[in-house]
Amino acid sequence: MNLREIKELSNLMDEKQVVELEIEETGVFRTKIRKASGEIRPALTSTSAKPREITCEEKEQEEKEEFTTITSPLVGTFFRASAPQNPPYVEAGDNISKGQMLCNIVAMKTQNEVRSEAEGEMVEVLAENGHPVEYGQGLFLVRPFIKKNLATENTEDTEKIKDFL
């Protein structure tokens, strides 16, 4: 490291308001530059720094943005199948389409069908089979399919896609 490089680093430290900088090239050299100011400011981190951990609140916010929640249209008892011996209408991981039967909610001895409002992948069943649910309570989490608008794509690519479909 020559004097010109040190001056450039010093100017960069002034510009970015960095008080201390340590540079090491294994086996070659190690240098530490410290500004003579009384105020200490946080140093810039390198790109090899550990990624910031995501808090639970941030993760929940991401999940809300990524998924569609299918909610209960009424108060009643949630059933995943038409009868206890039958398999559930849908499982986590299934692809669902609009209007597909998802569950039954029994209210006042009447079975009410709940059908899908969205197309996508069933990510999670939020309600427990045979348990009561409230109006507006989340029943299913669905990851919507991503649809591309073919009209905005490159015309050559659009023709290839149309031929493929």
Protein backbone atom coordinates (compact mmCIF):
# COMPACT_ATOMS: atom_id res chain seq x y z
CA MET A 1 0.00 0.00 0.00
CA ASN A 2 1.49 3.31 -1.04
CA LEU A 3 0.97 6.86 0.20
CA ARG A 4 -1.53 7.71 -2.59
CA GLU A 5 -3.78 4.77 -1.61
CA ILE A 6 -3.66 5.81 2.06
CA LYS A 7 -4.66 9.38 1.13
CA GLU A 8 -7.55 8.04 -0.98
CA LEU A 9 -8.71 5.93 1.97
CA SER A 10 -8.44 8.94 4.27
CA ASN A 11 -10.56 11.06 1.90
CA LEU A 12 -13.11 8.24 1.61
CA MET A 13 -13.24 7.97 5.42
CA ASP A 14 -13.96 11.72 5.63
CA GLU A 15 -16.66 11.44 2.98
CA LYS A 16 -18.36 8.45 4.63
CA GLN A 17 -17.71 9.71 8.18
CA VAL A 18 -15.73 6.62 9.19
CA VAL A 19 -13.51 7.10 12.26
CA GLU A 20 -11.47 3.88 12.14
CA LEU A 21 -10.53 1.49 9.35
CA GLU A 22 -8.46 -1.68 9.55
CA ILE A 23 -7.15 -3.41 6.41
CA GLU A 24 -5.34 -6.73 6.34
CA GLU A 25 -3.96 -8.76 3.50
CA THR A 26 -2.97 -12.09 5.00
CA GLY A 27 0.77 -12.59 5.09
CA VAL A 28 1.49 -9.28 3.28
CA PHE A 29 0.49 -6.36 5.50
CA ARG A 30 -1.93 -5.08 8.11
CA THR A 31 -2.76 -1.43 8.68
CA LYS A 32 -5.13 0.50 10.91
CA ILE A 33 -6.17 4.07 10.14
CA ARG A 34 -7.84 6.12 12.88
CA LYS A 35 -9.11 9.68 12.51
CA ALA A 36 -8.21 12.05 15.32
CA SER A 37 -11.72 13.25 16.16
CA GLY A 38 -13.54 13.10 19.45
CA GLU A 39 -16.82 11.90 17.96
CA ILE A 40 -17.09 8.22 17.11
CA ARG A 41 -19.48 7.19 14.36
CA PRO A 42 -20.35 3.69 13.22
CA ALA A 43 -18.00 2.27 10.61
CA LEU A 44 -19.16 0.92 7.29
CA THR A 45 -19.37 -2.85 7.17
CA SER A 46 -17.86 -4.89 4.38
CA THR A 47 -19.95 -6.96 1.98
CA SER A 48 -18.67 -10.11 3.63
CA ALA A 49 -20.41 -9.21 6.90
CA LYS A 50 -23.02 -11.59 8.28
CA PRO A 51 -26.53 -10.94 6.99
CA ARG A 52 -28.92 -9.17 9.32
CA GLU A 53 -31.28 -11.49 11.18
CA ILE A 54 -34.97 -11.07 10.37
CA THR A 55 -37.24 -10.52 13.35
CA CYS A 56 -40.48 -12.47 13.83
CA GLU A 57 -42.52 -9.36 13.04
CA GLU A 58 -40.68 -8.82 9.75
CA LYS A 59 -41.12 -12.48 8.82
CA GLU A 60 -44.85 -12.33 9.57
CA GLN A 61 -45.13 -9.18 7.42
CA GLU A 62 -43.34 -10.96 4.54
CA GLU A 63 -45.68 -13.92 4.87
CA LYS A 64 -48.74 -11.67 4.78
CA GLU A 65 -47.51 -10.08 1.56
CA GLU A 66 -46.61 -13.37 -0.10
CA PHE A 67 -49.74 -15.38 0.71
CA THR A 68 -53.47 -15.08 0.27
CA THR A 69 -55.54 -16.09 3.28
CA ILE A 70 -58.85 -17.81 2.66
CA THR A 71 -61.15 -16.93 5.54
CA SER A 72 -64.29 -18.41 7.04
CA PRO A 73 -67.48 -16.90 5.60
CA LEU A 74 -69.49 -17.82 8.72
CA VAL A 75 -69.36 -19.11 12.30
CA GLY A 76 -69.50 -22.90 12.59
CA THR A 77 -67.51 -26.12 12.86
CA PHE A 78 -64.68 -26.66 10.37
CA PHE A 79 -64.39 -30.01 8.55
CA ARG A 80 -61.66 -30.81 6.02
CA ALA A 81 -63.58 -33.75 4.45
CA SER A 82 -67.19 -34.64 3.71
CA ALA A 83 -67.03 -37.52 6.23
CA PRO A 84 -64.51 -38.67 8.86
CA GLN A 85 -63.47 -41.71 6.79
CA ASN A 86 -62.95 -39.65 3.60
CA PRO A 87 -59.65 -37.94 2.71
CA PRO A 88 -59.44 -34.14 3.11
CA TYR A 89 -60.50 -32.02 0.15
CA VAL A 90 -57.05 -30.39 0.05
CA GLU A 91 -53.65 -30.91 1.66
CA ALA A 92 -50.68 -28.59 2.08
CA GLY A 93 -48.67 -28.65 -1.15
CA ASP A 94 -51.71 -29.18 -3.41
CA ASN A 95 -52.33 -26.84 -6.33
CA ILE A 96 -55.81 -25.37 -6.10
CA SER A 97 -57.97 -23.53 -8.60
CA LYS A 98 -60.67 -20.90 -8.24
CA GLY A 99 -63.96 -22.45 -7.16
CA GLN A 100 -62.38 -25.69 -5.92
CA MET A 101 -63.98 -27.24 -2.82
CA LEU A 102 -61.73 -26.72 0.23
CA CYS A 103 -63.80 -27.63 3.29
CA ASN A 104 -67.21 -27.69 4.92
CA ILE A 105 -68.37 -25.50 7.76
CA VAL A 106 -71.35 -26.87 9.65
CA ALA A 107 -73.68 -24.30 11.19
CA MET A 108 -77.13 -25.09 12.60
CA LYS A 109 -76.90 -28.67 11.23
CA THR A 110 -76.33 -27.36 7.71
CA GLN A 111 -73.17 -28.10 5.72
CA ASN A 112 -71.82 -25.01 4.00
CA GLU A 113 -69.23 -25.54 1.28
CA VAL A 114 -66.18 -23.26 1.26
CA ARG A 115 -64.67 -22.91 -2.19
CA SER A 116 -61.37 -21.36 -3.20
CA GLU A 117 -61.28 -17.66 -4.01
CA ALA A 118 -57.76 -17.89 -5.45
CA GLU A 119 -55.54 -20.04 -7.63
CA GLY A 120 -52.24 -21.19 -6.24
CA GLU A 121 -50.42 -23.63 -4.00
CA MET A 122 -51.98 -24.60 -0.67
CA VAL A 123 -49.27 -23.73 1.84
CA GLU A 124 -50.96 -24.39 5.18
CA VAL A 125 -54.27 -25.38 6.72
CA LEU A 126 -54.79 -22.92 9.59
CA ALA A 127 -57.91 -24.38 11.23
CA GLU A 128 -58.20 -27.71 13.04
CA ASN A 129 -60.59 -30.36 11.78
CA GLY A 130 -63.73 -30.61 13.94
CA HIS A 131 -63.05 -27.37 15.80
CA PRO A 132 -65.18 -24.19 15.80
CA VAL A 133 -64.21 -21.27 13.56
CA GLU A 134 -65.26 -17.62 13.67
CA TYR A 135 -66.41 -15.38 10.86
CA GLY A 136 -63.31 -13.98 9.11
CA GLN A 137 -60.92 -16.46 10.75
CA GLY A 138 -58.12 -17.67 8.48
CA LEU A 139 -58.67 -21.22 7.24
CA PHE A 140 -55.99 -21.66 4.57
CA LEU A 141 -52.80 -19.95 3.37
CA VAL A 142 -52.39 -19.99 -0.41
CA ARG A 143 -49.35 -18.87 -2.43
CA PRO A 144 -50.88 -17.36 -5.58
CA PHE A 145 -49.58 -18.44 -8.98
CA ILE A 146 -47.60 -15.71 -10.76
CA LYS A 147 -49.22 -14.76 -14.03
CA LYS A 148 -47.33 -12.94 -16.75
CA ASN A 149 -49.07 -10.62 -19.12
CA LEU A 150 -48.20 -12.04 -22.53
CA ALA A 151 -49.14 -8.76 -24.23
CA THR A 152 -46.25 -6.93 -22.55
CA GLU A 153 -43.63 -9.59 -23.33
CA ASN A 154 -41.35 -9.57 -26.33
CA THR A 155 -43.45 -10.61 -29.36
CA GLU A 156 -41.02 -13.37 -30.37
CA ASP A 157 -41.11 -14.83 -26.86
CA THR A 158 -44.89 -14.43 -26.79
CA GLU A 159 -45.25 -16.49 -29.96
CA LYS A 160 -43.03 -19.24 -28.49
CA ILE A 161 -45.10 -19.31 -25.32
CA LYS A 162 -48.39 -19.38 -27.22
CA ASP A 163 -47.09 -22.23 -29.41
CA PHE A 164 -46.00 -24.11 -26.29
CA LEU A 165 -49.38 -23.68 -24.59
